[in-house]
Amino acid sequence: HQPDQFKAKFGGQALGPWIGKLNNDGERIELRAPDGQLVDRVRYRLGFPWPVVGDTPGYSIELIHPDLDNNDGHNWKASVRGDASNKANRLILRGSQWKYLKGKKEASNPRSAWRKPDHKETGWLSGSTPIGYGENFMKKTLGDMRNSYTSVYFRKKFTVKDAKQIGALQFAIQYDDGFNA
């Protein structure tokens, strides 16, 4: 909605703001070069596997990565309303500190107690993500995991300033073999 801010930040000319409206039930959008040649096209739809967003608070959807097939709804996410500073709209950033517990035993007694917000993380370790075993990109490598334990429990506290401004949340995680949220 702010072409001047876009130009200041990215150096390119943005067209707009566009005052039209797209159909929430789905529509086909085409991107064309100045000579009229088709650059890209997408047909979005309402409902799974497309992100669930509504009229209020007016969020849209965005492609996760430009190399992904944009006609597959799994490759899109709900965009989060930003502010004029164009700050990242992520609640938890890659590389942030997490609490974790090696799965040598249950995380708590009763078993579900560790999932509660007020659970005391006594004996839990801290590390920057990604945390894991067997990959070169890990910031925190669990070198004792092989032949010792097959599970790791993770906890991360985060704050939402105004829950009314969130139309949808997406939890994305990089994992190998299995994950249970």
N, C-alpha and C. Protein backbone atom coordinates (compact mmCIF):
# COMPACT_ATOMS: atom_id res chain seq x y z
N HIS A 1 0.80 -1.20 0.00
CA HIS A 1 0.00 0.00 0.00
C HIS A 1 0.84 1.27 0.00
N GLN A 2 2.15 1.15 0.18
CA GLN A 2 3.00 2.34 0.25
C GLN A 2 4.10 2.24 -0.80
N PRO A 3 3.82 2.64 -2.05
CA PRO A 3 4.83 2.55 -3.11
C PRO A 3 6.10 3.34 -2.81
N ASP A 4 5.98 4.48 -2.14
CA ASP A 4 7.16 5.28 -1.81
C ASP A 4 8.08 4.54 -0.85
N GLN A 5 7.50 3.85 0.13
CA GLN A 5 8.31 3.09 1.08
C GLN A 5 8.96 1.90 0.40
N PHE A 6 8.24 1.27 -0.52
CA PHE A 6 8.80 0.15 -1.28
C PHE A 6 10.02 0.62 -2.06
N LYS A 7 9.88 1.75 -2.76
CA LYS A 7 10.98 2.28 -3.57
C LYS A 7 12.17 2.64 -2.69
N ALA A 8 11.93 3.24 -1.54
CA ALA A 8 13.01 3.62 -0.63
C ALA A 8 13.77 2.40 -0.12
N LYS A 9 13.05 1.34 0.16
CA LYS A 9 13.68 0.14 0.73
C LYS A 9 14.35 -0.73 -0.33
N PHE A 10 13.67 -0.94 -1.49
CA PHE A 10 14.15 -1.91 -2.47
C PHE A 10 14.72 -1.26 -3.73
N GLY A 11 14.51 0.03 -3.91
CA GLY A 11 15.09 0.72 -5.05
C GLY A 11 14.34 0.55 -6.35
N GLY A 12 13.26 -0.18 -6.36
CA GLY A 12 12.49 -0.39 -7.58
C GLY A 12 11.19 0.38 -7.53
N GLN A 13 10.59 0.55 -8.67
CA GLN A 13 9.32 1.25 -8.74
C GLN A 13 8.18 0.27 -8.52
N ALA A 14 7.31 0.59 -7.61
CA ALA A 14 6.13 -0.24 -7.35
C ALA A 14 4.91 0.46 -7.92
N LEU A 15 4.02 -0.30 -8.47
CA LEU A 15 2.76 0.24 -8.95
C LEU A 15 1.73 0.14 -7.84
N GLY A 16 0.88 1.11 -7.76
CA GLY A 16 -0.16 1.01 -6.77
C GLY A 16 -0.28 2.28 -5.97
N PRO A 17 -1.06 2.26 -4.93
CA PRO A 17 -1.75 1.07 -4.44
C PRO A 17 -2.92 0.68 -5.33
N TRP A 18 -3.11 -0.62 -5.46
CA TRP A 18 -4.21 -1.17 -6.23
C TRP A 18 -5.46 -1.08 -5.37
N ILE A 19 -6.52 -0.55 -5.91
CA ILE A 19 -7.73 -0.33 -5.12
C ILE A 19 -8.81 -1.37 -5.44
N GLY A 20 -8.45 -2.37 -6.25
CA GLY A 20 -9.42 -3.41 -6.58
C GLY A 20 -9.56 -4.41 -5.46
N LYS A 21 -10.23 -5.48 -5.75
CA LYS A 21 -10.44 -6.53 -4.75
C LYS A 21 -10.43 -7.88 -5.45
N LEU A 22 -9.77 -8.86 -4.84
CA LEU A 22 -9.76 -10.22 -5.37
C LEU A 22 -10.85 -11.02 -4.69
N ASN A 23 -11.34 -12.00 -5.39
CA ASN A 23 -12.40 -12.87 -4.90
C ASN A 23 -11.82 -13.82 -3.84
N ASN A 24 -12.38 -13.84 -2.65
CA ASN A 24 -11.91 -14.73 -1.59
C ASN A 24 -12.11 -16.21 -1.92
N ASP A 25 -13.03 -16.52 -2.80
CA ASP A 25 -13.30 -17.93 -3.15
C ASP A 25 -12.28 -18.48 -4.13
N GLY A 26 -11.43 -17.62 -4.69
CA GLY A 26 -10.42 -18.07 -5.63
C GLY A 26 -10.51 -17.31 -6.93
N GLU A 27 -9.36 -17.20 -7.58
CA GLU A 27 -9.29 -16.44 -8.81
C GLU A 27 -7.96 -16.73 -9.48
N ARG A 28 -7.85 -16.42 -10.77
CA ARG A 28 -6.58 -16.58 -11.48
C ARG A 28 -5.92 -15.22 -11.60
N ILE A 29 -4.63 -15.17 -11.28
CA ILE A 29 -3.85 -13.94 -11.37
C ILE A 29 -2.69 -14.19 -12.33
N GLU A 30 -2.46 -13.25 -13.22
CA GLU A 30 -1.34 -13.35 -14.15
C GLU A 30 -0.42 -12.15 -13.98
N LEU A 31 0.87 -12.42 -14.07
CA LEU A 31 1.89 -11.39 -14.04
C LEU A 31 2.49 -11.33 -15.43
N ARG A 32 2.44 -10.17 -16.04
CA ARG A 32 2.94 -10.01 -17.40
C ARG A 32 4.05 -8.96 -17.46
N ALA A 33 5.01 -9.19 -18.35
CA ALA A 33 6.09 -8.23 -18.60
C ALA A 33 5.52 -7.05 -19.38
N PRO A 34 6.25 -5.93 -19.42
CA PRO A 34 5.76 -4.76 -20.17
C PRO A 34 5.40 -5.06 -21.62
N ASP A 35 6.05 -6.07 -22.23
CA ASP A 35 5.73 -6.40 -23.62
C ASP A 35 4.52 -7.34 -23.74
N GLY A 36 3.90 -7.65 -22.60
CA GLY A 36 2.70 -8.49 -22.61
C GLY A 36 2.98 -9.98 -22.44
N GLN A 37 4.24 -10.38 -22.43
CA GLN A 37 4.58 -11.80 -22.27
C GLN A 37 4.27 -12.27 -20.86
N LEU A 38 3.66 -13.46 -20.76
CA LEU A 38 3.30 -14.04 -19.47
C LEU A 38 4.57 -14.41 -18.69
N VAL A 39 4.70 -13.88 -17.48
CA VAL A 39 5.83 -14.18 -16.60
C VAL A 39 5.45 -15.29 -15.64
N ASP A 40 4.26 -15.20 -15.07
CA ASP A 40 3.81 -16.20 -14.11
C ASP A 40 2.30 -16.11 -14.00
N ARG A 41 1.72 -17.19 -13.51
CA ARG A 41 0.28 -17.24 -13.32
C ARG A 41 -0.01 -18.18 -12.14
N VAL A 42 -1.04 -17.85 -11.40
CA VAL A 42 -1.45 -18.69 -10.28
C VAL A 42 -2.97 -18.66 -10.20
N ARG A 43 -3.53 -19.78 -9.85
CA ARG A 43 -4.96 -19.86 -9.55
C ARG A 43 -5.06 -20.29 -8.10
N TYR A 44 -5.44 -19.35 -7.24
CA TYR A 44 -5.60 -19.66 -5.83
C TYR A 44 -7.04 -20.08 -5.57
N ARG A 45 -7.23 -20.77 -4.46
CA ARG A 45 -8.56 -21.26 -4.11
C ARG A 45 -8.83 -21.01 -2.64
N LEU A 46 -10.04 -21.23 -2.24
CA LEU A 46 -10.45 -21.10 -0.85
C LEU A 46 -10.38 -22.47 -0.19
N GLY A 47 -9.73 -22.56 0.95
CA GLY A 47 -9.70 -23.81 1.72
C GLY A 47 -8.47 -24.64 1.45
N PHE A 48 -8.34 -25.69 2.26
CA PHE A 48 -7.17 -26.57 2.22
C PHE A 48 -6.91 -27.05 0.80
N PRO A 49 -5.65 -27.06 0.37
CA PRO A 49 -4.42 -26.80 1.11
C PRO A 49 -3.98 -25.34 1.12
N TRP A 50 -4.83 -24.44 0.66
CA TRP A 50 -4.49 -23.02 0.66
C TRP A 50 -4.61 -22.45 2.07
N PRO A 51 -3.80 -21.45 2.42
CA PRO A 51 -3.88 -20.84 3.75
C PRO A 51 -5.28 -20.28 4.01
N VAL A 52 -5.71 -20.38 5.23
CA VAL A 52 -7.02 -19.88 5.62
C VAL A 52 -6.86 -18.43 6.07
N VAL A 53 -7.39 -17.52 5.28
CA VAL A 53 -7.40 -16.10 5.64
C VAL A 53 -8.78 -15.56 5.28
N GLY A 54 -9.16 -14.51 5.92
CA GLY A 54 -10.48 -13.96 5.65
C GLY A 54 -10.44 -12.49 5.37
N ASP A 55 -11.60 -11.90 5.28
CA ASP A 55 -11.69 -10.46 5.02
C ASP A 55 -11.10 -9.65 6.16
N THR A 56 -11.35 -10.07 7.38
CA THR A 56 -10.85 -9.35 8.54
C THR A 56 -9.76 -10.19 9.18
N PRO A 57 -8.61 -9.66 9.45
CA PRO A 57 -8.21 -8.26 9.37
C PRO A 57 -7.64 -7.85 8.02
N GLY A 58 -7.92 -8.57 6.96
CA GLY A 58 -7.53 -8.13 5.63
C GLY A 58 -6.20 -8.67 5.16
N TYR A 59 -5.72 -9.74 5.74
CA TYR A 59 -4.45 -10.30 5.32
C TYR A 59 -4.60 -11.02 4.00
N SER A 60 -3.49 -11.29 3.40
CA SER A 60 -3.45 -11.94 2.11
C SER A 60 -2.63 -13.23 2.27
N ILE A 61 -2.19 -13.77 1.15
CA ILE A 61 -1.30 -14.93 1.18
C ILE A 61 -0.05 -14.59 0.39
N GLU A 62 1.04 -15.29 0.72
CA GLU A 62 2.30 -15.05 0.03
C GLU A 62 2.99 -16.37 -0.24
N LEU A 63 3.68 -16.43 -1.37
CA LEU A 63 4.44 -17.60 -1.76
C LEU A 63 5.63 -17.76 -0.82
N ILE A 64 5.86 -18.96 -0.31
CA ILE A 64 6.93 -19.20 0.65
C ILE A 64 8.30 -18.96 0.02
N HIS A 65 8.48 -19.43 -1.22
CA HIS A 65 9.76 -19.27 -1.91
C HIS A 65 9.49 -19.21 -3.41
N PRO A 66 10.18 -18.32 -4.14
CA PRO A 66 9.88 -18.16 -5.57
C PRO A 66 10.17 -19.38 -6.42
N ASP A 67 10.99 -20.32 -5.95
CA ASP A 67 11.29 -21.52 -6.73
C ASP A 67 10.23 -22.61 -6.58
N LEU A 68 9.28 -22.43 -5.67
CA LEU A 68 8.25 -23.44 -5.46
C LEU A 68 7.11 -23.26 -6.46
N ASP A 69 6.39 -24.34 -6.69
CA ASP A 69 5.23 -24.31 -7.59
C ASP A 69 4.14 -23.46 -6.96
N ASN A 70 3.85 -22.32 -7.58
CA ASN A 70 2.87 -21.43 -6.96
C ASN A 70 1.43 -21.88 -7.16
N ASN A 71 1.19 -22.93 -7.91
CA ASN A 71 -0.16 -23.45 -8.06
C ASN A 71 -0.49 -24.52 -7.02
N ASP A 72 0.46 -24.82 -6.16
CA ASP A 72 0.25 -25.77 -5.07
C ASP A 72 0.02 -24.98 -3.79
N GLY A 73 -1.17 -25.09 -3.22
CA GLY A 73 -1.53 -24.33 -2.03
C GLY A 73 -0.63 -24.56 -0.84
N HIS A 74 0.05 -25.72 -0.77
CA HIS A 74 0.97 -25.99 0.33
C HIS A 74 2.16 -25.04 0.33
N ASN A 75 2.44 -24.42 -0.82
CA ASN A 75 3.61 -23.56 -0.96
C ASN A 75 3.32 -22.10 -0.64
N TRP A 76 2.15 -21.84 -0.08
CA TRP A 76 1.76 -20.48 0.29
C TRP A 76 1.52 -20.41 1.79
N LYS A 77 1.62 -19.21 2.35
CA LYS A 77 1.32 -19.00 3.76
C LYS A 77 0.51 -17.72 3.89
N ALA A 78 -0.18 -17.61 5.00
CA ALA A 78 -0.90 -16.38 5.28
C ALA A 78 0.12 -15.29 5.55
N SER A 79 -0.03 -14.15 4.91
CA SER A 79 0.86 -13.04 5.20
C SER A 79 0.37 -12.35 6.46
N VAL A 80 1.30 -11.83 7.21
CA VAL A 80 0.98 -11.16 8.46
C VAL A 80 1.08 -9.66 8.20
N ARG A 81 0.10 -8.92 8.66
CA ARG A 81 0.10 -7.49 8.42
C ARG A 81 1.34 -6.87 9.03
N GLY A 82 2.09 -6.15 8.22
CA GLY A 82 3.29 -5.49 8.69
C GLY A 82 3.01 -4.05 9.04
N ASP A 83 4.05 -3.35 9.41
CA ASP A 83 3.90 -1.93 9.67
C ASP A 83 4.74 -1.15 8.65
N ALA A 84 4.75 0.14 8.78
CA ALA A 84 5.43 0.98 7.79
C ALA A 84 6.93 0.73 7.74
N SER A 85 7.52 0.16 8.78
CA SER A 85 8.95 -0.10 8.79
C SER A 85 9.30 -1.37 8.04
N ASN A 86 8.32 -2.14 7.61
CA ASN A 86 8.52 -3.40 6.89
C ASN A 86 9.34 -4.40 7.70
N LYS A 87 9.15 -4.42 9.01
CA LYS A 87 9.84 -5.39 9.86
C LYS A 87 9.36 -6.79 9.52
N ALA A 88 10.20 -7.78 9.81
CA ALA A 88 9.80 -9.16 9.60
C ALA A 88 8.59 -9.48 10.47
N ASN A 89 7.71 -10.26 9.96
CA ASN A 89 6.48 -10.59 10.67
C ASN A 89 6.56 -12.00 11.24
N ARG A 90 7.63 -12.29 11.90
CA ARG A 90 7.81 -13.61 12.50
C ARG A 90 7.87 -13.46 14.00
N LEU A 91 7.22 -14.38 14.67
CA LEU A 91 7.24 -14.36 16.13
C LEU A 91 8.50 -15.01 16.68
N ILE A 92 9.00 -16.01 15.98
CA ILE A 92 10.20 -16.74 16.42
C ILE A 92 11.14 -16.82 15.22
N LEU A 93 12.33 -16.30 15.37
CA LEU A 93 13.29 -16.28 14.27
C LEU A 93 14.22 -17.48 14.31
N ARG A 94 14.67 -17.89 13.14
CA ARG A 94 15.68 -18.95 13.03
C ARG A 94 16.92 -18.48 13.80
N GLY A 95 17.51 -19.37 14.56
CA GLY A 95 18.68 -19.04 15.35
C GLY A 95 18.36 -18.57 16.75
N SER A 96 17.07 -18.47 17.08
CA SER A 96 16.70 -18.02 18.42
C SER A 96 16.96 -19.11 19.45
N GLN A 97 16.99 -18.70 20.70
CA GLN A 97 17.23 -19.62 21.81
C GLN A 97 15.96 -20.39 22.14
N TRP A 98 16.08 -21.70 22.30
CA TRP A 98 14.99 -22.57 22.72
C TRP A 98 15.44 -23.36 23.94
N LYS A 99 14.49 -23.78 24.73
CA LYS A 99 14.75 -24.74 25.81
C LYS A 99 14.50 -26.12 25.20
N TYR A 100 15.34 -27.08 25.58
CA TYR A 100 15.14 -28.44 25.08
C TYR A 100 15.54 -29.44 26.15
N LEU A 101 14.95 -30.61 26.06
CA LEU A 101 15.22 -31.70 26.99
C LEU A 101 15.44 -32.97 26.18
N LYS A 102 16.55 -33.61 26.40
CA LYS A 102 16.84 -34.86 25.70
C LYS A 102 15.85 -35.91 26.16
N GLY A 103 15.32 -36.65 25.23
CA GLY A 103 14.26 -37.61 25.52
C GLY A 103 14.73 -38.93 26.10
N LYS A 104 15.50 -38.87 27.14
CA LYS A 104 15.94 -40.09 27.81
C LYS A 104 14.87 -40.61 28.76
N LYS A 105 13.88 -39.74 29.05
CA LYS A 105 12.73 -40.09 29.88
C LYS A 105 11.61 -39.14 29.50
N GLU A 106 10.45 -39.31 30.09
CA GLU A 106 9.33 -38.40 29.83
C GLU A 106 9.71 -36.99 30.29
N ALA A 107 9.18 -35.99 29.62
CA ALA A 107 9.53 -34.59 29.92
C ALA A 107 8.94 -34.12 31.24
N SER A 108 7.89 -34.77 31.71
CA SER A 108 7.25 -34.35 32.96
C SER A 108 6.37 -35.47 33.49
N ASN A 109 5.95 -35.29 34.73
CA ASN A 109 4.99 -36.20 35.34
C ASN A 109 3.95 -35.33 36.03
N PRO A 110 2.71 -35.33 35.55
CA PRO A 110 2.16 -36.15 34.47
C PRO A 110 2.76 -35.78 33.11
N ARG A 111 2.61 -36.69 32.17
CA ARG A 111 3.29 -36.58 30.87
C ARG A 111 2.97 -35.29 30.13
N SER A 112 1.78 -34.74 30.27
CA SER A 112 1.41 -33.54 29.51
C SER A 112 1.75 -32.23 30.22
N ALA A 113 2.25 -32.28 31.44
CA ALA A 113 2.49 -31.06 32.22
C ALA A 113 3.49 -30.12 31.55
N TRP A 114 4.47 -30.63 30.83
CA TRP A 114 5.50 -29.79 30.21
C TRP A 114 4.94 -28.90 29.10
N ARG A 115 3.73 -29.21 28.63
CA ARG A 115 3.11 -28.41 27.55
C ARG A 115 2.40 -27.17 28.07
N LYS A 116 2.25 -27.03 29.36
CA LYS A 116 1.55 -25.90 29.95
C LYS A 116 2.49 -24.68 30.04
N PRO A 117 1.95 -23.48 29.81
CA PRO A 117 2.80 -22.28 29.81
C PRO A 117 3.59 -22.05 31.09
N ASP A 118 3.05 -22.43 32.24
CA ASP A 118 3.72 -22.15 33.51
C ASP A 118 4.66 -23.27 33.97
N HIS A 119 4.91 -24.26 33.13
CA HIS A 119 5.79 -25.38 33.49
C HIS A 119 7.21 -24.87 33.78
N LYS A 120 7.78 -25.30 34.90
CA LYS A 120 9.15 -24.93 35.26
C LYS A 120 10.11 -25.83 34.48
N GLU A 121 11.05 -25.22 33.78
CA GLU A 121 11.96 -25.97 32.91
C GLU A 121 13.22 -26.40 33.65
N THR A 122 13.06 -26.93 34.84
CA THR A 122 14.18 -27.41 35.64
C THR A 122 14.86 -28.56 34.91
N GLY A 123 16.17 -28.44 34.72
CA GLY A 123 16.93 -29.49 34.07
C GLY A 123 16.94 -29.40 32.55
N TRP A 124 16.21 -28.45 31.99
CA TRP A 124 16.18 -28.27 30.54
C TRP A 124 17.44 -27.50 30.13
N LEU A 125 17.92 -27.77 28.94
CA LEU A 125 19.08 -27.09 28.38
C LEU A 125 18.62 -25.97 27.46
N SER A 126 19.52 -25.08 27.07
CA SER A 126 19.22 -24.00 26.13
C SER A 126 20.16 -24.10 24.94
N GLY A 127 19.65 -23.73 23.78
CA GLY A 127 20.49 -23.73 22.59
C GLY A 127 19.85 -22.96 21.46
N SER A 128 20.70 -22.48 20.55
CA SER A 128 20.22 -21.77 19.37
C SER A 128 19.79 -22.78 18.31
N THR A 129 18.72 -22.47 17.63
CA THR A 129 18.24 -23.34 16.56
C THR A 129 19.03 -23.08 15.28
N PRO A 130 19.14 -24.09 14.44
CA PRO A 130 18.58 -25.42 14.57
C PRO A 130 19.35 -26.30 15.54
N ILE A 131 18.61 -27.14 16.23
CA ILE A 131 19.14 -28.08 17.21
C ILE A 131 18.86 -29.48 16.69
N GLY A 132 19.84 -30.36 16.71
CA GLY A 132 19.60 -31.71 16.24
C GLY A 132 20.85 -32.54 16.12
N TYR A 133 20.76 -33.53 15.27
CA TYR A 133 21.84 -34.50 15.15
C TYR A 133 22.02 -34.89 13.68
N GLY A 134 23.25 -35.04 13.26
CA GLY A 134 23.56 -35.65 11.98
C GLY A 134 23.53 -34.75 10.75
N GLU A 135 23.39 -33.44 10.92
CA GLU A 135 23.39 -32.53 9.78
C GLU A 135 24.42 -31.43 10.02
N ASN A 136 25.07 -30.98 8.97
CA ASN A 136 26.12 -29.97 9.09
C ASN A 136 25.61 -28.58 9.46
N PHE A 137 24.33 -28.29 9.19
CA PHE A 137 23.81 -26.94 9.41
C PHE A 137 23.34 -26.70 10.85
N MET A 138 23.45 -27.69 11.72
CA MET A 138 22.99 -27.53 13.11
C MET A 138 23.85 -26.51 13.85
N LYS A 139 23.19 -25.61 14.60
CA LYS A 139 23.93 -24.70 15.48
C LYS A 139 24.24 -25.39 16.79
N LYS A 140 23.33 -26.24 17.22
CA LYS A 140 23.53 -27.02 18.44
C LYS A 140 23.39 -28.49 18.06
N THR A 141 24.50 -29.21 18.09
CA THR A 141 24.50 -30.62 17.72
C THR A 141 24.37 -31.49 18.96
N LEU A 142 23.45 -32.41 18.91
CA LEU A 142 23.26 -33.35 20.02
C LEU A 142 24.08 -34.60 19.71
N GLY A 143 25.38 -34.50 19.98
CA GLY A 143 26.32 -35.56 19.63
C GLY A 143 26.09 -36.87 20.37
N ASP A 144 25.40 -36.83 21.50
CA ASP A 144 25.17 -38.05 22.28
C ASP A 144 23.85 -38.73 21.91
N MET A 145 23.16 -38.25 20.90
CA MET A 145 21.83 -38.78 20.58
C MET A 145 21.88 -40.20 20.01
N ARG A 146 22.85 -40.47 19.15
CA ARG A 146 22.93 -41.78 18.49
C ARG A 146 23.04 -42.90 19.53
N ASN A 147 22.16 -43.87 19.42
CA ASN A 147 22.10 -45.04 20.30
C ASN A 147 21.83 -44.69 21.76
N SER A 148 21.34 -43.47 22.02
CA SER A 148 21.08 -43.08 23.39
C SER A 148 19.62 -42.66 23.60
N TYR A 149 19.07 -41.84 22.70
CA TYR A 149 17.67 -41.42 22.78
C TYR A 149 17.19 -41.03 21.39
N THR A 150 15.90 -41.11 21.17
CA THR A 150 15.34 -40.84 19.84
C THR A 150 14.40 -39.64 19.84
N SER A 151 14.18 -39.03 20.99
CA SER A 151 13.26 -37.89 21.08
C SER A 151 13.94 -36.72 21.75
N VAL A 152 13.47 -35.53 21.41
CA VAL A 152 13.89 -34.30 22.07
C VAL A 152 12.64 -33.45 22.24
N TYR A 153 12.48 -32.88 23.43
CA TYR A 153 11.34 -32.01 23.72
C TYR A 153 11.82 -30.56 23.60
N PHE A 154 10.99 -29.71 23.00
CA PHE A 154 11.34 -28.30 22.79
C PHE A 154 10.27 -27.39 23.37
N ARG A 155 10.72 -26.26 23.92
CA ARG A 155 9.81 -25.22 24.42
C ARG A 155 10.36 -23.86 24.01
N LYS A 156 9.44 -22.97 23.65
CA LYS A 156 9.82 -21.60 23.29
C LYS A 156 8.71 -20.66 23.71
N LYS A 157 9.06 -19.66 24.51
CA LYS A 157 8.10 -18.64 24.90
C LYS A 157 8.17 -17.51 23.89
N PHE A 158 7.00 -16.96 23.55
CA PHE A 158 6.96 -15.79 22.68
C PHE A 158 5.76 -14.94 23.08
N THR A 159 5.80 -13.69 22.68
CA THR A 159 4.76 -12.74 23.05
C THR A 159 4.04 -12.24 21.82
N VAL A 160 2.74 -12.21 21.90
CA VAL A 160 1.90 -11.61 20.86
C VAL A 160 1.35 -10.32 21.43
N LYS A 161 1.72 -9.19 20.82
CA LYS A 161 1.32 -7.89 21.35
C LYS A 161 -0.19 -7.66 21.25
N ASP A 162 -0.77 -8.01 20.12
CA ASP A 162 -2.19 -7.78 19.91
C ASP A 162 -2.77 -8.96 19.12
N ALA A 163 -3.35 -9.90 19.82
CA ALA A 163 -3.87 -11.11 19.18
C ALA A 163 -4.94 -10.80 18.14
N LYS A 164 -5.62 -9.67 18.25
CA LYS A 164 -6.64 -9.29 17.28
C LYS A 164 -6.05 -9.01 15.91
N GLN A 165 -4.75 -8.73 15.84
CA GLN A 165 -4.10 -8.42 14.58
C GLN A 165 -3.62 -9.67 13.84
N ILE A 166 -3.85 -10.83 14.43
CA ILE A 166 -3.40 -12.08 13.81
C ILE A 166 -4.61 -12.81 13.24
N GLY A 167 -4.62 -12.94 11.92
CA GLY A 167 -5.70 -13.67 11.26
C GLY A 167 -5.44 -15.16 11.25
N ALA A 168 -4.16 -15.55 11.24
CA ALA A 168 -3.78 -16.96 11.23
C ALA A 168 -2.32 -17.06 11.66
N LEU A 169 -1.97 -18.19 12.23
CA LEU A 169 -0.58 -18.48 12.58
C LEU A 169 -0.13 -19.70 11.81
N GLN A 170 1.10 -19.68 11.41
CA GLN A 170 1.67 -20.84 10.74
C GLN A 170 2.90 -21.27 11.51
N PHE A 171 2.99 -22.55 11.79
CA PHE A 171 4.14 -23.11 12.48
C PHE A 171 4.92 -23.92 11.47
N ALA A 172 6.10 -23.47 11.13
CA ALA A 172 6.94 -24.18 10.17
C ALA A 172 8.19 -24.66 10.88
N ILE A 173 8.55 -25.89 10.63
CA ILE A 173 9.71 -26.46 11.29
C ILE A 173 10.48 -27.33 10.31
N GLN A 174 11.79 -27.30 10.43
CA GLN A 174 12.64 -28.16 9.63
C GLN A 174 12.96 -29.37 10.49
N TYR A 175 12.67 -30.55 10.00
CA TYR A 175 12.89 -31.75 10.80
C TYR A 175 13.30 -32.91 9.90
N ASP A 176 13.82 -33.94 10.52
CA ASP A 176 14.21 -35.16 9.83
C ASP A 176 13.62 -36.33 10.60
N ASP A 177 12.96 -37.18 9.92
CA ASP A 177 12.35 -38.41 10.41
C ASP A 177 10.96 -38.21 11.00
N GLY A 178 10.76 -37.28 11.90
CA GLY A 178 9.43 -37.14 12.47
C GLY A 178 9.33 -35.94 13.38
N PHE A 179 8.09 -35.46 13.53
CA PHE A 179 7.86 -34.31 14.39
C PHE A 179 6.42 -34.37 14.86
N ASN A 180 6.20 -34.03 16.14
CA ASN A 180 4.85 -34.02 16.70
C ASN A 180 4.66 -32.70 17.42
N ALA A 181 3.66 -31.93 16.99
CA ALA A 181 3.40 -30.62 17.63
C ALA A 181 2.07 -30.66 18.34
